[in-house]
PDB file of N, CA and C in Angstrom:
ATOM      1  N   MET A   1      -0.811   2.810  -2.748  1.00  0.00           N
ATOM      2  CA  MET A   1      -1.298   2.583  -1.205  1.00  0.00           C
ATOM      3  C   MET A   1      -1.477   4.097  -1.267  1.00  0.00           C
ATOM      4  N   LEU A   2      -1.380   4.713  -1.024  1.00  0.00           N
ATOM      5  CA  LEU A   2      -1.940   6.016  -1.084  1.00  0.00           C
ATOM      6  C   LEU A   2      -3.656   6.336  -1.191  1.00  0.00           C
ATOM      7  N   GLY A   3      -4.183   5.568  -2.682  1.00  0.00           N
ATOM      8  CA  GLY A   3      -5.221   5.391  -3.173  1.00  0.00           C
ATOM      9  C   GLY A   3      -5.946   4.625  -2.189  1.00  0.00           C
ATOM     10  N   ASP A   4      -5.193   3.831  -1.005  1.00  0.00           N
ATOM     11  CA  ASP A   4      -6.367   2.084  -1.004  1.00  0.00           C
ATOM     12  C   ASP A   4      -7.688   2.312  -0.121  1.00  0.00           C
ATOM     13  N   THR A   5      -8.724   2.129   0.023  1.00  0.00           N
ATOM     14  CA  THR A   5     -10.131   2.120  -0.026  1.00  0.00           C
ATOM     15  C   THR A   5     -10.829   1.480   0.889  1.00  0.00           C
ATOM     16  N   VAL A   6      -9.625   0.122   1.186  1.00  0.00           N
ATOM     17  CA  VAL A   6     -10.749  -0.420   1.510  1.00  0.00           C
ATOM     18  C   VAL A   6      -9.543  -1.525   1.437  1.00  0.00           C
ATOM     19  N   ILE A   7      -9.397  -2.449   2.947  1.00  0.00           N
ATOM     20  CA  ILE A   7      -8.251  -3.378   3.308  1.00  0.00           C
ATOM     21  C   ILE A   7      -9.201  -4.737   2.857  1.00  0.00           C
ATOM     22  N   ALA A   8      -8.557  -5.606   2.206  1.00  0.00           N
ATOM     23  CA  ALA A   8      -9.266  -6.915   1.854  1.00  0.00           C
ATOM     24  C   ALA A   8      -8.312  -8.209   2.222  1.00  0.00           C
ATOM     25  N   VAL A   9      -9.312  -8.786   3.273  1.00  0.00           N
ATOM     26  CA  VAL A   9      -8.467 -10.390   3.666  1.00  0.00           C
ATOM     27  C   VAL A   9      -9.091 -10.868   3.899  1.00  0.00           C
ATOM     28  N   HIS A  10      -8.970 -12.793   3.412  1.00  0.00           N
ATOM     29  CA  HIS A  10      -9.238 -13.371   3.783  1.00  0.00           C
ATOM     30  C   HIS A  10     -10.069 -14.009   4.537  1.00  0.00           C
ATOM     31  N   PRO A  11     -11.424 -14.869   4.214  1.00  0.00           N
ATOM     32  CA  PRO A  11     -12.231 -15.206   5.521  1.00  0.00           C
ATOM     33  C   PRO A  11     -11.380 -15.686   5.770  1.00  0.00           C
ATOM     34  N   GLN A  12     -10.490 -17.026   5.986  1.00  0.00           N
ATOM     35  CA  GLN A  12     -10.046 -18.079   6.937  1.00  0.00           C
ATOM     36  C   GLN A  12      -9.156 -17.896   7.659  1.00  0.00           C
ATOM     37  N   ASP A  13      -8.388 -16.771   7.380  1.00  0.00           N
ATOM     38  CA  ASP A  13      -6.986 -16.055   7.942  1.00  0.00           C
ATOM     39  C   ASP A  13      -7.240 -15.682   8.983  1.00  0.00           C
ATOM     40  N   PRO A  14      -7.263 -16.290  10.096  1.00  0.00           N
ATOM     41  CA  PRO A  14      -7.421 -15.986  11.364  1.00  0.00           C
ATOM     42  C   PRO A  14      -7.092 -14.881  12.536  1.00  0.00           C
ATOM     43  N   ARG A  15      -5.656 -14.984  11.149  1.00  0.00           N
ATOM     44  CA  ARG A  15      -4.709 -13.653  12.260  1.00  0.00           C
ATOM     45  C   ARG A  15      -6.155 -12.161  11.650  1.00  0.00           C
ATOM     46  N   TYR A  16      -7.227 -12.097  11.029  1.00  0.00           N
ATOM     47  CA  TYR A  16      -7.903 -11.036  11.195  1.00  0.00           C
ATOM     48  C   TYR A  16      -9.563 -10.833  10.869  1.00  0.00           C
ATOM     49  N   THR A  17      -9.505 -12.414  10.820  1.00  0.00           N
ATOM     50  CA  THR A  17     -11.454 -12.669  10.909  1.00  0.00           C
ATOM     51  C   THR A  17     -12.157 -11.165  12.122  1.00  0.00           C
ATOM     52  N   HIS A  18     -11.316 -11.263  12.949  1.00  0.00           N
ATOM     53  CA  HIS A  18     -12.203 -10.553  14.426  1.00  0.00           C
ATOM     54  C   HIS A  18     -12.531  -8.790  13.593  1.00  0.00           C
ATOM     55  N   MET A  19     -11.170  -8.738  12.590  1.00  0.00           N
ATOM     56  CA  MET A  19     -11.251  -7.282  11.594  1.00  0.00           C
ATOM     57  C   MET A  19     -12.544  -7.048  10.943  1.00  0.00           C
ATOM     58  N   VAL A  20     -12.696  -8.015  10.632  1.00  0.00           N
ATOM     59  CA  VAL A  20     -14.214  -7.980   9.873  1.00  0.00           C
ATOM     60  C   VAL A  20     -15.259  -7.406   9.870  1.00  0.00           C
ATOM     61  N   GLY A  21     -15.154  -5.873   8.898  1.00  0.00           N
ATOM     62  CA  GLY A  21     -16.764  -4.925   9.616  1.00  0.00           C
ATOM     63  C   GLY A  21     -16.072  -4.131   9.642  1.00  0.00           C
ATOM     64  N   LYS A  22     -14.760  -4.029   9.991  1.00  0.00           N
ATOM     65  CA  LYS A  22     -14.628  -2.721  10.950  1.00  0.00           C
ATOM     66  C   LYS A  22     -13.655  -2.026   9.790  1.00  0.00           C
ATOM     67  N   TYR A  23     -13.023  -1.057  10.928  1.00  0.00           N
ATOM     68  CA  TYR A  23     -11.965  -0.382  10.076  1.00  0.00           C
ATOM     69  C   TYR A  23     -10.635  -0.439  10.384  1.00  0.00           C
ATOM     70  N   ALA A  24     -10.019   0.655   9.998  1.00  0.00           N
ATOM     71  CA  ALA A  24      -8.561   1.286   9.597  1.00  0.00           C
ATOM     72  C   ALA A  24      -8.497   2.057   9.159  1.00  0.00           C
ATOM     73  N   LEU A  25      -7.607   3.337  10.336  1.00  0.00           N
ATOM     74  CA  LEU A  25      -7.866   4.188   9.224  1.00  0.00           C
ATOM     75  C   LEU A  25      -6.194   4.651   9.332  1.00  0.00           C
ATOM     76  N   HIS A  26      -6.241   4.936   8.056  1.00  0.00           N
ATOM     77  CA  HIS A  26      -4.714   5.230   6.897  1.00  0.00           C
ATOM     78  C   HIS A  26      -3.562   5.677   7.672  1.00  0.00           C
ATOM     79  N   PRO A  27      -2.815   4.801   7.411  1.00  0.00           N
ATOM     80  CA  PRO A  27      -1.416   5.862   8.308  1.00  0.00           C
ATOM     81  C   PRO A  27      -1.058   6.839   7.128  1.00  0.00           C
ATOM     82  N   PHE A  28      -1.392   7.318   7.061  1.00  0.00           N
ATOM     83  CA  PHE A  28      -0.817   8.876   5.981  1.00  0.00           C
ATOM     84  C   PHE A  28      -2.065  10.148   6.087  1.00  0.00           C
ATOM     85  N   CYS A  29      -3.407   9.473   5.812  1.00  0.00           N
ATOM     86  CA  CYS A  29      -4.020  10.534   5.031  1.00  0.00           C
ATOM     87  C   CYS A  29      -5.482  10.524   6.196  1.00  0.00           C
ATOM     88  N   GLN A  30      -5.284   9.470   7.126  1.00  0.00           N
ATOM     89  CA  GLN A  30      -6.179   9.580   8.642  1.00  0.00           C
ATOM     90  C   GLN A  30      -7.749   9.157   7.445  1.00  0.00           C
ATOM     91  N   ARG A  31      -7.570   8.476   5.779  1.00  0.00           N
ATOM     92  CA  ARG A  31      -9.113   7.561   5.436  1.00  0.00           C
ATOM     93  C   ARG A  31      -9.207   6.746   6.821  1.00  0.00           C
ATOM     94  N   LYS A  32     -10.740   6.474   6.481  1.00  0.00           N
ATOM     95  CA  LYS A  32     -11.251   4.969   7.180  1.00  0.00           C
ATOM     96  C   LYS A  32     -11.655   3.973   6.319  1.00  0.00           C
ATOM     97  N   LEU A  33     -10.632   2.897   6.226  1.00  0.00           N
ATOM     98  CA  LEU A  33     -10.664   2.046   5.533  1.00  0.00           C
ATOM     99  C   LEU A  33     -11.299   0.896   6.649  1.00  0.00           C
ATOM    100  N   LEU A  34     -12.413   0.063   5.026  1.00  0.00           N
ATOM    101  CA  LEU A  34     -12.929  -0.549   5.858  1.00  0.00           C
ATOM    102  C   LEU A  34     -13.261  -1.969   5.285  1.00  0.00           C
ATOM    103  N   ILE A  35     -12.202  -3.017   6.580  1.00  0.00           N
ATOM    104  CA  ILE A  35     -11.726  -4.368   6.386  1.00  0.00           C
ATOM    105  C   ILE A  35     -12.641  -5.386   6.106  1.00  0.00           C
ATOM    106  N   VAL A  36     -12.560  -5.950   4.793  1.00  0.00           N
ATOM    107  CA  VAL A  36     -13.416  -7.374   3.934  1.00  0.00           C
ATOM    108  C   VAL A  36     -13.173  -8.119   3.844  1.00  0.00           C
ATOM    109  N   ALA A  37     -13.213  -8.821   4.207  1.00  0.00           N
ATOM    110  CA  ALA A  37     -13.499 -10.729   4.169  1.00  0.00           C
ATOM    111  C   ALA A  37     -13.763 -10.965   2.309  1.00  0.00           C
ATOM    112  N   ASP A  38     -13.063 -11.715   1.664  1.00  0.00           N
ATOM    113  CA  ASP A  38     -12.629 -11.711   0.107  1.00  0.00           C
ATOM    114  C   ASP A  38     -11.940 -13.016   0.058  1.00  0.00           C
ATOM    115  N   ASP A  39     -12.686 -14.047  -0.836  1.00  0.00           N
ATOM    116  CA  ASP A  39     -12.198 -15.283  -0.154  1.00  0.00           C
ATOM    117  C   ASP A  39     -11.141 -15.280  -1.687  1.00  0.00           C
ATOM    118  N   TYR A  40     -10.807 -14.806  -2.932  1.00  0.00           N
ATOM    119  CA  TYR A  40     -10.360 -13.936  -3.328  1.00  0.00           C
ATOM    120  C   TYR A  40      -8.534 -13.505  -3.579  1.00  0.00           C
ATOM    121  N   VAL A  41      -8.669 -13.295  -1.675  1.00  0.00           N
ATOM    122  CA  VAL A  41      -7.396 -12.690  -1.248  1.00  0.00           C
ATOM    123  C   VAL A  41      -6.720 -13.944  -1.520  1.00  0.00           C
ATOM    124  N   ASP A  42      -5.072 -13.532  -1.969  1.00  0.00           N
ATOM    125  CA  ASP A  42      -4.139 -14.679  -1.670  1.00  0.00           C
ATOM    126  C   ASP A  42      -3.157 -14.065   0.149  1.00  0.00           C
ATOM    127  N   LYS A  43      -3.930 -14.900   0.829  1.00  0.00           N
ATOM    128  CA  LYS A  43      -2.735 -14.828   2.686  1.00  0.00           C
ATOM    129  C   LYS A  43      -1.403 -14.356   1.621  1.00  0.00           C
ATOM    130  N   ASP A  44      -0.767 -15.153   1.078  1.00  0.00           N
ATOM    131  CA  ASP A  44       0.792 -14.629   0.877  1.00  0.00           C
ATOM    132  C   ASP A  44       1.336 -13.349   0.272  1.00  0.00           C
ATOM    133  N   PHE A  45       0.566 -12.491  -0.598  1.00  0.00           N
ATOM    134  CA  PHE A  45       0.741 -12.010  -1.172  1.00  0.00           C
ATOM    135  C   PHE A  45       0.141 -10.864  -1.225  1.00  0.00           C
ATOM    136  N   GLY A  46      -2.122 -10.905  -1.732  1.00  0.00           N
ATOM    137  CA  GLY A  46      -2.897  -9.665  -1.229  1.00  0.00           C
ATOM    138  C   GLY A  46      -3.393  -8.851  -2.344  1.00  0.00           C
ATOM    139  N   THR A  47      -4.456  -9.398  -2.474  1.00  0.00           N
ATOM    140  CA  THR A  47      -5.424  -9.144  -3.643  1.00  0.00           C
ATOM    141  C   THR A  47      -6.295  -8.772  -3.945  1.00  0.00           C
ATOM    142  N   GLY A  48      -7.265  -8.873  -4.835  1.00  0.00           N
ATOM    143  CA  GLY A  48      -8.903  -8.121  -4.581  1.00  0.00           C
ATOM    144  C   GLY A  48      -9.073  -6.978  -4.641  1.00  0.00           C
ATOM    145  N   LYS A  49     -10.363  -7.344  -5.303  1.00  0.00           N
ATOM    146  CA  LYS A  49     -11.063  -6.127  -5.264  1.00  0.00           C
ATOM    147  C   LYS A  49     -12.200  -5.819  -6.696  1.00  0.00           C
ATOM    148  N   ARG A  50     -13.509  -7.126  -5.507  1.00  0.00           N
ATOM    149  CA  ARG A  50     -14.333  -7.274  -6.181  1.00  0.00           C
ATOM    150  C   ARG A  50     -15.503  -6.458  -4.922  1.00  0.00           C
ATOM    151  N   HIS A  51     -15.522  -5.282  -4.710  1.00  0.00           N
ATOM    152  CA  HIS A  51     -16.698  -5.131  -3.752  1.00  0.00           C
ATOM    153  C   HIS A  51     -17.104  -3.597  -4.807  1.00  0.00           C
ATOM    154  N   ASN A  52     -16.840  -3.338  -5.401  1.00  0.00           N
ATOM    155  CA  ASN A  52     -17.808  -2.518  -6.033  1.00  0.00           C
ATOM    156  C   ASN A  52     -17.262  -1.372  -5.472  1.00  0.00           C
ATOM    157  N   LEU A  53     -16.578  -1.014  -4.898  1.00  0.00           N
ATOM    158  CA  LEU A  53     -15.440   0.336  -4.423  1.00  0.00           C
ATOM    159  C   LEU A  53     -15.283   1.648  -4.836  1.00  0.00           C
ATOM    160  N   ALA A  54     -15.728   3.142  -3.873  1.00  0.00           N
ATOM    161  CA  ALA A  54     -15.531   3.568  -5.325  1.00  0.00           C
ATOM    162  C   ALA A  54     -13.542   4.079  -5.075  1.00  0.00           C
ATOM    163  N   THR A  55     -13.276   4.346  -6.584  1.00  0.00           N
ATOM    164  CA  THR A  55     -11.939   4.626  -6.468  1.00  0.00           C
ATOM    165  C   THR A  55     -11.234   5.965  -6.591  1.00  0.00           C
ATOM    166  N   LEU A  56      -9.748   6.572  -6.096  1.00  0.00           N
ATOM    167  CA  LEU A  56     -10.000   7.540  -6.035  1.00  0.00           C
ATOM    168  C   LEU A  56      -8.663   8.366  -6.485  1.00  0.00           C
ATOM    169  N   THR A  57      -8.417   8.604  -7.604  1.00  0.00           N
ATOM    170  CA  THR A  57      -7.590   9.219  -8.260  1.00  0.00           C
ATOM    171  C   THR A  57      -6.823  10.281  -7.349  1.00  0.00           C
ATOM    172  N   ILE A  58      -5.470   9.873  -7.506  1.00  0.00           N
ATOM    173  CA  ILE A  58      -4.503  10.701  -6.904  1.00  0.00           C
ATOM    174  C   ILE A  58      -3.233  11.316  -7.352  1.00  0.00           C
ATOM    175  N   PHE A  59      -3.092  10.859  -9.035  1.00  0.00           N
ATOM    176  CA  PHE A  59      -2.455  11.802  -9.686  1.00  0.00           C
ATOM    177  C   PHE A  59      -2.504  12.185 -10.609  1.00  0.00           C
ATOM    178  N   SER A  60      -2.579  14.008 -10.551  1.00  0.00           N
ATOM    179  CA  SER A  60      -2.784  14.394 -11.774  1.00  0.00           C
ATOM    180  C   SER A  60      -2.658  14.331 -12.974  1.00  0.00           C
ATOM    181  N   ASP A  61      -2.076  14.725 -14.369  1.00  0.00           N
ATOM    182  CA  ASP A  61      -2.230  14.633 -15.813  1.00  0.00           C
ATOM    183  C   ASP A  61      -0.221  14.100 -15.565  1.00  0.00           C
ATOM    184  N   ASP A  62       0.306  15.224 -14.490  1.00  0.00           N
ATOM    185  CA  ASP A  62       1.985  15.654 -14.192  1.00  0.00           C
ATOM    186  C   ASP A  62       1.868  14.366 -14.108  1.00  0.00           C
ATOM    187  N   GLY A  63       1.390  13.747 -12.777  1.00  0.00           N
ATOM    188  CA  GLY A  63       2.135  12.774 -11.953  1.00  0.00           C
ATOM    189  C   GLY A  63       2.514  13.384 -10.752  1.00  0.00           C
ATOM    190  N   GLN A  64       1.842  14.244 -10.691  1.00  0.00           N
ATOM    191  CA  GLN A  64       1.592  14.349  -8.947  1.00  0.00           C
ATOM    192  C   GLN A  64       0.949  14.045  -8.087  1.00  0.00           C
ATOM    193  N   ILE A  65       1.145  14.592  -6.567  1.00  0.00           N
ATOM    194  CA  ILE A  65      -0.431  13.637  -5.722  1.00  0.00           C
ATOM    195  C   ILE A  65      -0.789  14.543  -5.823  1.00  0.00           C
ATOM    196  N   ILE A  66      -2.403  14.156  -5.877  1.00  0.00           N
ATOM    197  CA  ILE A  66      -3.305  15.229  -5.208  1.00  0.00           C
ATOM    198  C   ILE A  66      -4.583  14.727  -4.290  1.00  0.00           C
ATOM    199  N   GLY A  67      -5.396  15.607  -4.110  1.00  0.00           N
ATOM    200  CA  GLY A  67      -6.345  14.774  -2.606  1.00  0.00           C
ATOM    201  C   GLY A  67      -5.677  14.384  -1.747  1.00  0.00           C
ATOM    202  N   ASP A  68      -6.073  13.596  -0.194  1.00  0.00           N
ATOM    203  CA  ASP A  68      -5.975  13.900   0.668  1.00  0.00           C
ATOM    204  C   ASP A  68      -4.925  12.890   1.321  1.00  0.00           C
ATOM    205  N   CYS A  69      -3.869  13.192   0.559  1.00  0.00           N
ATOM    206  CA  CYS A  69      -2.967  11.996   0.430  1.00  0.00           C
ATOM    207  C   CYS A  69      -1.427  12.696   1.792  1.00  0.00           C
ATOM    208  N   GLY A  70      -2.160  13.230   2.840  1.00  0.00           N
ATOM    209  CA  GLY A  70      -1.287  13.833   3.773  1.00  0.00           C
ATOM    210  C   GLY A  70       0.115  14.731   3.280  1.00  0.00           C
ATOM    211  N   GLN A  71       0.952  14.333   4.093  1.00  0.00           N
ATOM    212  CA  GLN A  71       2.679  14.637   3.522  1.00  0.00           C
ATOM    213  C   GLN A  71       2.328  14.499   2.285  1.00  0.00           C
ATOM    214  N   PHE A  72       2.278  14.187   2.299  1.00  0.00           N
ATOM    215  CA  PHE A  72       2.625  13.501   0.026  1.00  0.00           C
ATOM    216  C   PHE A  72       2.066  14.287  -1.176  1.00  0.00           C
ATOM    217  N   THR A  73       0.775  14.454  -0.578  1.00  0.00           N
ATOM    218  CA  THR A  73       0.308  15.777  -1.635  1.00  0.00           C
ATOM    219  C   THR A  73       0.469  16.492  -1.467  1.00  0.00           C
ATOM    220  N   GLY A  74       0.878  17.188  -3.774  1.00  0.00           N
ATOM    221  CA  GLY A  74       1.534  17.845  -3.601  1.00  0.00           C
ATOM    222  C   GLY A  74       3.158  17.089  -4.701  1.00  0.00           C
ATOM    223  N   LEU A  75       3.780  16.372  -3.902  1.00  0.00           N
ATOM    224  CA  LEU A  75       5.098  16.002  -4.018  1.00  0.00           C
ATOM    225  C   LEU A  75       4.803  14.917  -5.348  1.00  0.00           C
ATOM    226  N   LYS A  76       5.744  14.349  -6.835  1.00  0.00           N
ATOM    227  CA  LYS A  76       6.248  14.782  -7.593  1.00  0.00           C
ATOM    228  C   LYS A  76       5.740  12.808  -7.680  1.00  0.00           C
ATOM    229  N   ARG A  77       5.544  11.667  -8.144  1.00  0.00           N
ATOM    230  CA  ARG A  77       5.173  10.352  -7.532  1.00  0.00           C
ATOM    231  C   ARG A  77       6.522   9.695  -7.377  1.00  0.00           C
ATOM    232  N   PHE A  78       7.588   9.790  -8.159  1.00  0.00           N
ATOM    233  CA  PHE A  78       8.828   8.989  -8.150  1.00  0.00           C
ATOM    234  C   PHE A  78       9.243  10.121  -6.105  1.00  0.00           C
ATOM    235  N   GLU A  79       9.172  11.094  -6.135  1.00  0.00           N
ATOM    236  CA  GLU A  79       9.351  11.387  -4.850  1.00  0.00           C
ATOM    237  C   GLU A  79       8.987  11.795  -3.878  1.00  0.00           C
ATOM    238  N   ALA A  80       7.757  11.407  -4.248  1.00  0.00           N
ATOM    239  CA  ALA A  80       6.788  10.346  -2.936  1.00  0.00           C
ATOM    240  C   ALA A  80       6.930   8.982  -2.744  1.00  0.00           C
ATOM    241  N   ARG A  81       7.088   7.998  -3.540  1.00  0.00           N
ATOM    242  CA  ARG A  81       7.281   7.261  -3.568  1.00  0.00           C
ATOM    243  C   ARG A  81       8.576   6.633  -2.810  1.00  0.00           C
ATOM    244  N   LEU A  82       9.479   7.445  -2.731  1.00  0.00           N
ATOM    245  CA  LEU A  82      10.798   7.600  -2.299  1.00  0.00           C
ATOM    246  C   LEU A  82      10.262   8.000  -0.818  1.00  0.00           C
ATOM    247  N   SER A  83       9.231   9.056  -0.637  1.00  0.00           N
ATOM    248  CA  SER A  83       9.312   9.393   0.419  1.00  0.00           C
ATOM    249  C   SER A  83       8.530   7.924   0.968  1.00  0.00           C
ATOM    250  N   LEU A  84       7.614   7.924   1.268  1.00  0.00           N
ATOM    251  CA  LEU A  84       6.927   6.600   1.575  1.00  0.00           C
ATOM    252  C   LEU A  84       7.527   5.748   1.931  1.00  0.00           C
ATOM    253  N   TYR A  85       8.398   5.530   1.260  1.00  0.00           N
ATOM    254  CA  TYR A  85       9.974   4.281   1.749  1.00  0.00           C
ATOM    255  C   TYR A  85      10.327   5.004   2.544  1.00  0.00           C
ATOM    256  N   GLN A  86      11.122   5.937   2.824  1.00  0.00           N
ATOM    257  CA  GLN A  86      11.894   6.361   3.570  1.00  0.00           C
ATOM    258  C   GLN A  86      10.772   6.992   5.365  1.00  0.00           C
ATOM    259  N   ARG A  87       9.288   7.106   5.006  1.00  0.00           N
ATOM    260  CA  ARG A  87       8.472   6.717   6.243  1.00  0.00           C
ATOM    261  C   ARG A  87       8.187   5.492   6.795  1.00  0.00           C
ATOM    262  N   PHE A  88       8.274   4.385   5.984  1.00  0.00           N
ATOM    263  CA  PHE A  88       7.972   2.921   6.322  1.00  0.00           C
ATOM    264  C   PHE A  88       8.796   2.859   7.031  1.00  0.00           C
ATOM    265  N   SER A  89      10.161   2.854   5.930  1.00  0.00           N
ATOM    266  CA  SER A  89      11.060   2.424   6.793  1.00  0.00           C
ATOM    267  C   SER A  89      11.646   2.905   8.293  1.00  0.00           C
ATOM    268  N   THR A  90      11.315   4.326   8.498  1.00  0.00           N
ATOM    269  CA  THR A  90      10.848   5.177  10.371  1.00  0.00           C
ATOM    270  C   THR A  90      10.164   4.482  10.894  1.00  0.00           C
ATOM    271  N   LEU A  91       9.095   4.113  10.828  1.00  0.00           N
ATOM    272  CA  LEU A  91       7.605   3.169  10.633  1.00  0.00           C
ATOM    273  C   LEU A  91       8.827   1.799  10.918  1.00  0.00           C
ATOM    274  N   GLN A  92       9.780   1.018  10.894  1.00  0.00           N
ATOM    275  CA  GLN A  92      10.055   0.127  10.924  1.00  0.00           C
ATOM    276  C   GLN A  92       8.979  -1.447   9.594  1.00  0.00           C
ATOM    277  N   CYS A  93       8.515  -0.630   8.742  1.00  0.00           N
ATOM    278  CA  CYS A  93       7.648  -1.643   8.199  1.00  0.00           C
ATOM    279  C   CYS A  93       8.134  -1.813   6.696  1.00  0.00           C
ATOM    280  N   VAL A  94       9.217  -1.882   6.970  1.00  0.00           N
ATOM    281  CA  VAL A  94      10.212  -1.851   5.418  1.00  0.00           C
ATOM    282  C   VAL A  94      11.024  -3.855   5.461  1.00  0.00           C
ATOM    283  N   GLU A  95      11.322  -4.174   4.772  1.00  0.00           N
ATOM    284  CA  GLU A  95      12.169  -5.404   5.305  1.00  0.00           C
ATOM    285  C   GLU A  95      12.245  -5.504   3.944  1.00  0.00           C
ATOM    286  N   VAL A  96      14.518  -5.747   3.961  1.00  0.00           N
ATOM    287  CA  VAL A  96      14.973  -5.523   2.570  1.00  0.00           C
ATOM    288  C   VAL A  96      15.649  -6.518   2.046  1.00  0.00           C
ATOM    289  N   GLU A  97      15.325  -7.385   1.220  1.00  0.00           N
ATOM    290  CA  GLU A  97      15.413  -8.670   0.718  1.00  0.00           C
ATOM    291  C   GLU A  97      15.937  -8.636   0.010  1.00  0.00           C
ATOM    292  N   ASP A  98      17.213  -9.142   0.223  1.00  0.00           N
ATOM    293  CA  ASP A  98      18.609  -9.704  -1.172  1.00  0.00           C
ATOM    294  C   ASP A  98      18.439 -11.377  -1.560  1.00  0.00           C
ATOM    295  N   GLY A  99      18.931 -11.570  -2.563  1.00  0.00           N
ATOM    296  CA  GLY A  99      18.636 -12.560  -3.282  1.00  0.00           C
ATOM    297  C   GLY A  99      19.004 -12.184  -5.003  1.00  0.00           C
ATOM    298  N   GLU A 100      19.743 -12.546  -5.621  1.00  0.00           N
ATOM    299  CA  GLU A 100      19.879 -12.918  -6.996  1.00  0.00           C
ATOM    300  C   GLU A 100      19.079 -13.859  -7.753  1.00  0.00           C
ATOM    301  N   ASP A 101      17.701 -14.133  -7.114  1.00  0.00           N
ATOM    302  CA  ASP A 101      17.185 -14.951  -7.904  1.00  0.00           C
ATOM    303  C   ASP A 101      16.141 -13.955  -7.839  1.00  0.00           C
ATOM    304  N   GLN A 102      15.801 -12.812  -7.275  1.00  0.00           N
ATOM    305  CA  GLN A 102      14.443 -11.991  -6.968  1.00  0.00           C
ATOM    306  C   GLN A 102      15.353 -10.700  -8.206  1.00  0.00           C
ATOM    307  N   PRO A 103      14.227 -10.577  -9.153  1.00  0.00           N
ATOM    308  CA  PRO A 103      14.817  -9.594  -9.971  1.00  0.00           C
ATOM    309  C   PRO A 103      14.361  -8.320  -9.658  1.00  0.00           C
ATOM    310  N   LEU A 104      14.958  -7.339  -9.363  1.00  0.00           N
ATOM    311  CA  LEU A 104      14.281  -6.179  -9.045  1.00  0.00           C
ATOM    312  C   LEU A 104      12.504  -5.596 -10.387  1.00  0.00           C
ATOM    313  N   ASP A 105      12.199  -5.291  -8.875  1.00  0.00           N
ATOM    314  CA  ASP A 105      10.762  -4.209  -9.903  1.00  0.00           C
ATOM    315  C   ASP A 105      11.510  -3.265 -10.312  1.00  0.00           C
ATOM    316  N   LEU A 106      10.118  -3.306 -11.007  1.00  0.00           N
ATOM    317  CA  LEU A 106       9.991  -1.387 -11.693  1.00  0.00           C
ATOM    318  C   LEU A 106      10.324  -0.189 -10.553  1.00  0.00           C
ATOM    319  N   SER A 107       9.747  -0.079  -9.964  1.00  0.00           N
ATOM    320  CA  SER A 107       9.774   0.072  -8.241  1.00  0.00           C
ATOM    321  C   SER A 107      11.384   1.036  -7.701  1.00  0.00           C
ATOM    322  N   ALA A 108      11.024  -1.113  -7.169  1.00  0.00           N
ATOM    323  CA  ALA A 108      12.321  -0.517  -6.437  1.00  0.00           C
ATOM    324  C   ALA A 108      14.185  -0.352  -7.368  1.00  0.00           C
ATOM    325  N   LYS A 109      13.524  -0.194  -8.922  1.00  0.00           N
ATOM    326  CA  LYS A 109      14.617   0.684  -9.552  1.00  0.00           C
ATOM    327  C   LYS A 109      14.248   1.996  -9.416  1.00  0.00           C
ATOM    328  N   ASN A 110      13.573   2.423  -9.627  1.00  0.00           N
ATOM    329  CA  ASN A 110      12.551   4.139  -9.857  1.00  0.00           C
ATOM    330  C   ASN A 110      13.828   4.474  -8.137  1.00  0.00           C
ATOM    331  N   LEU A 111      13.567   3.856  -6.952  1.00  0.00           N
ATOM    332  CA  LEU A 111      13.820   4.491  -5.937  1.00  0.00           C
ATOM    333  C   LEU A 111      15.379   4.132  -5.876  1.00  0.00           C
ATOM    334  N   ASN A 112      16.523   3.526  -6.771  1.00  0.00           N
ATOM    335  CA  ASN A 112      17.760   3.513  -6.813  1.00  0.00           C
ATOM    336  C   ASN A 112      18.105   2.176  -5.820  1.00  0.00           C
ATOM    337  N   LEU A 113      17.287   1.107  -5.083  1.00  0.00           N
ATOM    338  CA  LEU A 113      17.442   0.252  -4.116  1.00  0.00           C
ATOM    339  C   LEU A 113      18.585  -0.856  -5.749  1.00  0.00           C
ATOM    340  N   LYS A 114      19.176  -1.808  -4.620  1.00  0.00           N
ATOM    341  CA  LYS A 114      20.063  -2.882  -4.731  1.00  0.00           C
ATOM    342  C   LYS A 114      19.539  -4.412  -4.065  1.00  0.00           C
ATOM    343  N   SER A 115      18.615  -3.610  -3.258  1.00  0.00           N
ATOM    344  CA  SER A 115      17.098  -4.759  -2.860  1.00  0.00           C
ATOM    345  C   SER A 115      16.077  -4.838  -3.198  1.00  0.00           C
ATOM    346  N   ARG A 116      15.105  -5.663  -3.602  1.00  0.00           N
ATOM    347  CA  ARG A 116      13.820  -5.292  -3.179  1.00  0.00           C
ATOM    348  C   ARG A 116      12.866  -5.296  -2.013  1.00  0.00           C
ATOM    349  N   PRO A 117      12.381  -3.540  -1.956  1.00  0.00           N
ATOM    350  CA  PRO A 117      11.578  -3.284  -0.518  1.00  0.00           C
ATOM    351  C   PRO A 117      10.560  -4.247  -0.355  1.00  0.00           C
ATOM    352  N   LYS A 118       9.939  -4.200   0.952  1.00  0.00           N
ATOM    353  CA  LYS A 118       9.044  -5.393   1.228  1.00  0.00           C
ATOM    354  C   LYS A 118       8.680  -5.254   2.308  1.00  0.00           C
ATOM    355  N   LEU A 119       7.476  -4.443   2.224  1.00  0.00           N
ATOM    356  CA  LEU A 119       5.784  -3.524   3.529  1.00  0.00           C
ATOM    357  C   LEU A 119       5.968  -5.902   3.752  1.00  0.00           C
ATOM    358  N   LEU A 120       5.785  -4.655   5.784  1.00  0.00           N
ATOM    359  CA  LEU A 120       5.474  -6.083   6.802  1.00  0.00           C
ATOM    360  C   LEU A 120       4.192  -5.917   7.150  1.00  0.00           C
TER     361      LEU A 120
END
């Protein structure tokens, strides 16, 4: 997320059609993110990179956050991951999903979580 440069929304998703072509402010880096419509976006998941946008390098070779990443700049990647999770929790943007049928992904395991965090 710290390397995001755009927000892609589905063109037929009525929640966001009025925002296409506008900008949102990145919550941690204060970077402007263009909001684009892309029918490749899965409204239930979130995908899409077909707009030839700039990419940002946010990790050094040794896994440290570099560049304009706000309070996370200088942290090692796993420290940043935990710090991001805590920040999202503070902002009430994380919901913890419980369930034996959902295996933990690598990031959840690295956070030592017993459940999978989900951004709201």
